[in-house]
Amino acid sequence: MKAIAFISLLFVGLDICSQEKVSFYSSDSLKITADLYLNNYQSPFILLFHQSESSRGEYKSIAPKLQKLGYNCLAVDLRCGSKTNYIENETAQRAHERYFPSRNIDALKDMEAAIAYIRKFNRNKVILFGSSYSASLALLIAKGLPEIQAVIAFSPGEYFRPEISIKDTITGLSVPVFIASTEMEYNYVAEMLSGIDNKYKTLFKPEKGRGIHGAKALWENSQDYDACWFQLTCFFGHLTKI
């Protein structure tokens, strides 16, 4: 009940903020499409990355709520994906038409390009928000870049074996991370993150059901919508005190 009351109060009267479509280029010259949700250029940015077979539309209802919390957002179409919430993945279409490498691991270039794009006009550290395979990539990026403030990872996993071990690579990661998973994924995800000190990580486990894979856990049709938003909002509150 506490979480329900808190979220209801937080998002009451929430206006669905308009967004601007923007584009930029990856290091291998693929044009990337993204939706920019801007409060002002001084506020910190959250970069939003979708799961497999999805698009920037995965964050259509999530980004305005993050804006309500005081953040700018950039929802990015990665080069591997399809349609979500009636929004086509324009980057994936472009990559397919022009024969760009389009494995999940290749999306790393798109995520790095998004960071570089934002850093051109906002020098604050950024928060990476990933869903499924992009959650794993967000953790990898955070291990190597000092300009990352925190990572929000919904349903990360070992999606890149044998080429890359996420567990081995992110051991010692020392930025705050919020991790959400389904009930089935929880023990597996907790083990994968065992190399990160407990003081840096917050793990969310579904309370009302089996949970939903990826960032869709924050959609209003999720059984754990209120509890998940409550815990995530508490995580943001912690970040402001660091």
Protein backbone atom coordinates (compact mmCIF):
# COMPACT_ATOMS: atom_id res chain seq x y z
CA MET A 1 0.00 0.00 0.00
CA LYS A 2 2.90 2.37 0.78
CA ALA A 3 4.33 1.93 -2.72
CA ILE A 4 0.94 2.38 -4.39
CA ALA A 5 0.23 5.59 -2.49
CA PHE A 6 3.71 6.95 -3.20
CA ILE A 7 3.58 6.28 -6.95
CA SER A 8 0.04 7.61 -7.24
CA LEU A 9 1.14 10.85 -5.58
CA LEU A 10 4.33 11.13 -7.61
CA PHE A 11 2.71 10.73 -11.01
CA VAL A 12 -0.60 12.47 -10.36
CA GLY A 13 -1.35 14.96 -13.10
CA LEU A 14 1.53 13.64 -15.19
CA ASP A 15 1.57 15.27 -18.59
CA ILE A 16 2.70 13.12 -21.47
CA CYS A 17 5.68 15.17 -22.57
CA SER A 18 6.30 15.65 -26.24
CA GLN A 19 9.56 14.40 -27.61
CA GLU A 20 11.81 15.45 -30.44
CA LYS A 21 13.23 12.93 -32.89
CA VAL A 22 17.00 13.35 -33.25
CA SER A 23 19.78 11.47 -35.02
CA PHE A 24 23.52 10.96 -34.77
CA TYR A 25 26.10 8.50 -36.10
CA SER A 26 27.85 5.46 -34.68
CA SER A 27 31.59 4.92 -35.07
CA ASP A 28 30.93 2.75 -38.15
CA SER A 29 28.79 5.51 -39.73
CA LEU A 30 25.32 4.05 -39.12
CA LYS A 31 22.72 6.79 -38.65
CA ILE A 32 20.94 6.27 -35.32
CA THR A 33 17.43 7.48 -34.51
CA ALA A 34 16.44 8.50 -30.98
CA ASP A 35 13.71 10.38 -29.12
CA LEU A 36 14.90 13.27 -26.97
CA TYR A 37 12.80 14.08 -23.89
CA LEU A 38 14.20 17.38 -22.65
CA ASN A 39 13.43 19.29 -19.47
CA ASN A 40 16.43 21.59 -19.81
CA TYR A 41 20.04 21.24 -20.86
CA GLN A 42 21.35 21.46 -17.29
CA SER A 43 19.45 18.45 -15.90
CA PRO A 44 21.17 15.04 -15.91
CA PHE A 45 20.46 12.55 -18.68
CA ILE A 46 19.21 8.98 -18.64
CA LEU A 47 19.99 7.07 -21.83
CA LEU A 48 17.31 4.46 -22.56
CA PHE A 49 18.15 1.29 -24.50
CA HIS A 50 15.59 -1.34 -25.52
CA GLN A 51 15.58 -5.13 -25.55
CA SER A 52 15.87 -7.46 -28.53
CA GLU A 53 13.17 -7.18 -31.23
CA SER A 54 12.11 -3.83 -29.80
CA SER A 55 12.50 -0.09 -30.42
CA ARG A 56 12.69 3.23 -28.62
CA GLY A 57 8.92 2.82 -28.26
CA GLU A 58 9.63 0.53 -25.30
CA TYR A 59 10.10 3.74 -23.27
CA LYS A 60 7.08 5.65 -24.58
CA SER A 61 5.35 5.59 -21.18
CA ILE A 62 8.51 5.34 -19.06
CA ALA A 63 10.44 8.39 -20.26
CA PRO A 64 7.78 10.98 -19.26
CA LYS A 65 7.76 9.55 -15.72
CA LEU A 66 11.55 9.84 -15.55
CA GLN A 67 11.18 13.45 -16.70
CA LYS A 68 8.79 13.98 -13.79
CA LEU A 69 11.67 12.93 -11.53
CA GLY A 70 13.83 15.68 -13.00
CA TYR A 71 15.80 13.85 -15.68
CA ASN A 72 16.25 14.40 -19.39
CA CYS A 73 15.95 11.21 -21.43
CA LEU A 74 17.23 9.90 -24.74
CA ALA A 75 15.43 6.77 -25.97
CA VAL A 76 17.59 5.15 -28.63
CA ASP A 77 16.79 2.82 -31.53
CA LEU A 78 19.60 0.26 -31.53
CA ARG A 79 20.61 -1.53 -34.72
CA CYS A 80 18.96 -4.82 -33.77
CA GLY A 81 15.25 -4.58 -33.14
CA SER A 82 11.76 -4.20 -34.54
CA LYS A 83 8.53 -2.42 -33.48
CA THR A 84 7.18 -1.63 -30.00
CA ASN A 85 4.12 0.46 -29.14
CA TYR A 86 3.59 1.05 -32.87
CA ILE A 87 7.00 2.73 -33.13
CA GLU A 88 9.32 1.22 -35.74
CA ASN A 89 13.01 0.79 -35.06
CA GLU A 90 14.42 3.10 -37.72
CA THR A 91 18.05 2.33 -36.91
CA ALA A 92 17.48 -1.40 -37.34
CA GLN A 93 15.69 -0.82 -40.66
CA ARG A 94 18.62 1.28 -41.85
CA ALA A 95 21.17 -1.28 -40.71
CA HIS A 96 19.30 -4.07 -42.52
CA GLU A 97 18.95 -2.10 -45.75
CA ARG A 98 22.62 -1.11 -45.82
CA TYR A 99 24.12 -4.38 -44.54
CA PHE A 100 25.61 -3.09 -41.30
CA PRO A 101 26.63 -5.72 -38.72
CA SER A 102 23.54 -6.23 -36.58
CA ARG A 103 24.34 -8.73 -33.86
CA ASN A 104 23.33 -7.70 -30.35
CA ILE A 105 26.97 -7.04 -29.46
CA ASP A 106 27.23 -4.61 -32.39
CA ALA A 107 24.73 -2.33 -30.63
CA LEU A 108 27.57 -1.41 -28.29
CA LYS A 109 28.66 1.11 -30.94
CA ASP A 110 25.21 2.71 -30.94
CA MET A 111 25.16 3.03 -27.15
CA GLU A 112 28.62 4.58 -27.09
CA ALA A 113 27.53 7.00 -29.83
CA ALA A 114 24.51 8.02 -27.73
CA ILE A 115 26.79 8.85 -24.80
CA ALA A 116 29.05 10.92 -27.05
CA TYR A 117 26.04 12.73 -28.56
CA ILE A 118 24.69 13.78 -25.15
CA ARG A 119 28.11 14.77 -23.84
CA LYS A 120 28.42 17.37 -26.59
CA PHE A 121 25.93 19.65 -24.84
CA ASN A 122 25.76 18.30 -21.29
CA ARG A 123 28.96 17.44 -19.45
CA ASN A 124 27.26 15.84 -16.45
CA LYS A 125 27.77 12.14 -15.92
CA VAL A 126 24.99 10.07 -17.49
CA ILE A 127 22.83 7.21 -16.29
CA LEU A 128 22.54 4.16 -18.54
CA PHE A 129 19.20 2.32 -18.56
CA GLY A 130 19.21 -1.04 -20.33
CA SER A 131 16.65 -3.74 -21.01
CA SER A 132 17.65 -7.40 -21.47
CA TYR A 133 20.75 -7.62 -23.69
CA SER A 134 21.25 -3.83 -23.61
CA ALA A 135 21.22 -4.00 -19.80
CA SER A 136 24.27 -6.26 -20.01
CA LEU A 137 25.94 -3.90 -22.47
CA ALA A 138 25.22 -0.96 -20.16
CA LEU A 139 27.06 -2.74 -17.36
CA LEU A 140 30.01 -3.42 -19.66
CA ILE A 141 30.19 0.22 -20.70
CA ALA A 142 30.00 1.44 -17.11
CA LYS A 143 33.00 -0.67 -16.15
CA GLY A 144 35.16 1.19 -18.65
CA LEU A 145 33.89 4.79 -18.80
CA PRO A 146 34.30 7.35 -15.99
CA GLU A 147 31.44 9.49 -17.35
CA ILE A 148 28.82 6.97 -16.19
CA GLN A 149 27.07 7.93 -12.95
CA ALA A 150 24.94 4.81 -12.54
CA VAL A 151 23.34 1.87 -14.35
CA ILE A 152 19.74 0.68 -14.33
CA ALA A 153 19.62 -2.84 -15.71
CA PHE A 154 16.36 -4.74 -16.26
CA SER A 155 16.93 -8.47 -16.86
CA PRO A 156 20.65 -8.48 -17.70
CA GLY A 157 22.15 -11.82 -18.62
CA GLU A 158 25.04 -13.69 -20.19
CA TYR A 159 23.85 -13.00 -23.73
CA PHE A 160 27.32 -12.84 -25.31
CA ARG A 161 29.05 -16.08 -24.30
CA PRO A 162 31.53 -17.43 -25.20
CA GLU A 163 32.83 -14.16 -26.61
CA ILE A 164 32.21 -12.15 -23.44
CA SER A 165 31.51 -13.13 -19.83
CA ILE A 166 29.45 -10.38 -18.22
CA LYS A 167 30.16 -11.69 -14.72
CA ASP A 168 33.93 -11.66 -15.21
CA THR A 169 34.01 -8.32 -17.01
CA ILE A 170 31.94 -6.34 -14.50
CA THR A 171 33.59 -7.72 -11.38
CA GLY A 172 34.76 -4.73 -9.38
CA LEU A 173 32.29 -2.29 -10.97
CA SER A 174 32.10 0.66 -8.58
CA VAL A 175 29.12 2.77 -9.67
CA PRO A 176 25.59 2.43 -8.25
CA VAL A 177 23.50 -0.15 -10.09
CA PHE A 178 19.79 -0.92 -9.90
CA ILE A 179 19.00 -4.43 -11.11
CA ALA A 180 15.51 -5.79 -11.75
CA SER A 181 14.64 -9.30 -12.85
CA THR A 182 11.80 -11.75 -13.10
CA GLU A 183 11.32 -14.28 -10.31
CA MET A 184 12.91 -16.98 -12.49
CA GLU A 185 15.90 -14.81 -13.38
CA TYR A 186 16.64 -13.54 -9.87
CA ASN A 187 19.12 -16.13 -8.56
CA TYR A 188 20.92 -16.27 -11.90
CA VAL A 189 21.20 -12.47 -12.08
CA ALA A 190 22.32 -12.21 -8.45
CA GLU A 191 25.12 -14.70 -9.16
CA MET A 192 26.15 -12.83 -12.29
CA LEU A 193 26.49 -9.64 -10.21
CA SER A 194 28.26 -11.30 -7.29
CA GLY A 195 31.54 -9.57 -8.19
CA ILE A 196 30.01 -6.14 -7.47
CA ASP A 197 30.22 -4.94 -3.87
CA ASN A 198 26.83 -4.93 -2.14
CA LYS A 199 27.17 -1.23 -1.31
CA TYR A 200 26.87 -0.41 -5.02
CA LYS A 201 23.93 -2.62 -6.01
CA THR A 202 20.19 -2.67 -5.46
CA LEU A 203 18.35 -5.81 -6.59
CA PHE A 204 14.61 -5.81 -7.21
CA LYS A 205 12.66 -9.07 -7.16
CA PRO A 206 8.95 -9.29 -8.13
CA GLU A 207 6.60 -9.38 -5.17
CA LYS A 208 3.22 -10.14 -6.75
CA GLY A 209 3.96 -12.60 -9.53
CA ARG A 210 6.62 -14.01 -11.79
CA GLY A 211 7.54 -10.61 -13.18
CA ILE A 212 8.08 -9.32 -16.71
CA HIS A 213 11.34 -9.53 -18.63
CA GLY A 214 13.10 -6.25 -19.30
CA ALA A 215 11.95 -2.64 -18.91
CA LYS A 216 8.34 -3.68 -19.59
CA ALA A 217 8.23 -4.34 -15.85
CA LEU A 218 7.67 -0.57 -15.57
CA TRP A 219 4.64 -0.59 -17.86
CA GLU A 220 1.30 -0.07 -16.14
CA ASN A 221 0.09 -3.59 -17.02
CA SER A 222 2.87 -5.10 -14.89
CA GLN A 223 1.70 -6.64 -11.60
CA ASP A 224 4.71 -5.11 -9.86
CA TYR A 225 4.39 -1.70 -11.49
CA ASP A 226 3.96 0.21 -8.20
CA ALA A 227 6.61 -1.66 -6.23
CA CYS A 228 9.15 -1.48 -9.04
CA TRP A 229 8.66 2.26 -9.56
CA PHE A 230 8.86 2.82 -5.80
CA GLN A 231 12.19 1.02 -5.50
CA LEU A 232 13.57 2.71 -8.59
CA THR A 233 12.54 6.13 -7.31
CA CYS A 234 14.26 5.40 -4.00
CA PHE A 235 17.38 4.51 -5.98
CA PHE A 236 17.28 7.89 -7.73
CA GLY A 237 16.91 9.55 -4.34
CA HIS A 238 20.05 7.78 -3.18
CA LEU A 239 21.96 9.00 -6.24
CA THR A 240 21.23 12.64 -5.43
CA LYS A 241 22.96 12.18 -2.06
CA ILE A 242 26.20 10.78 -3.47
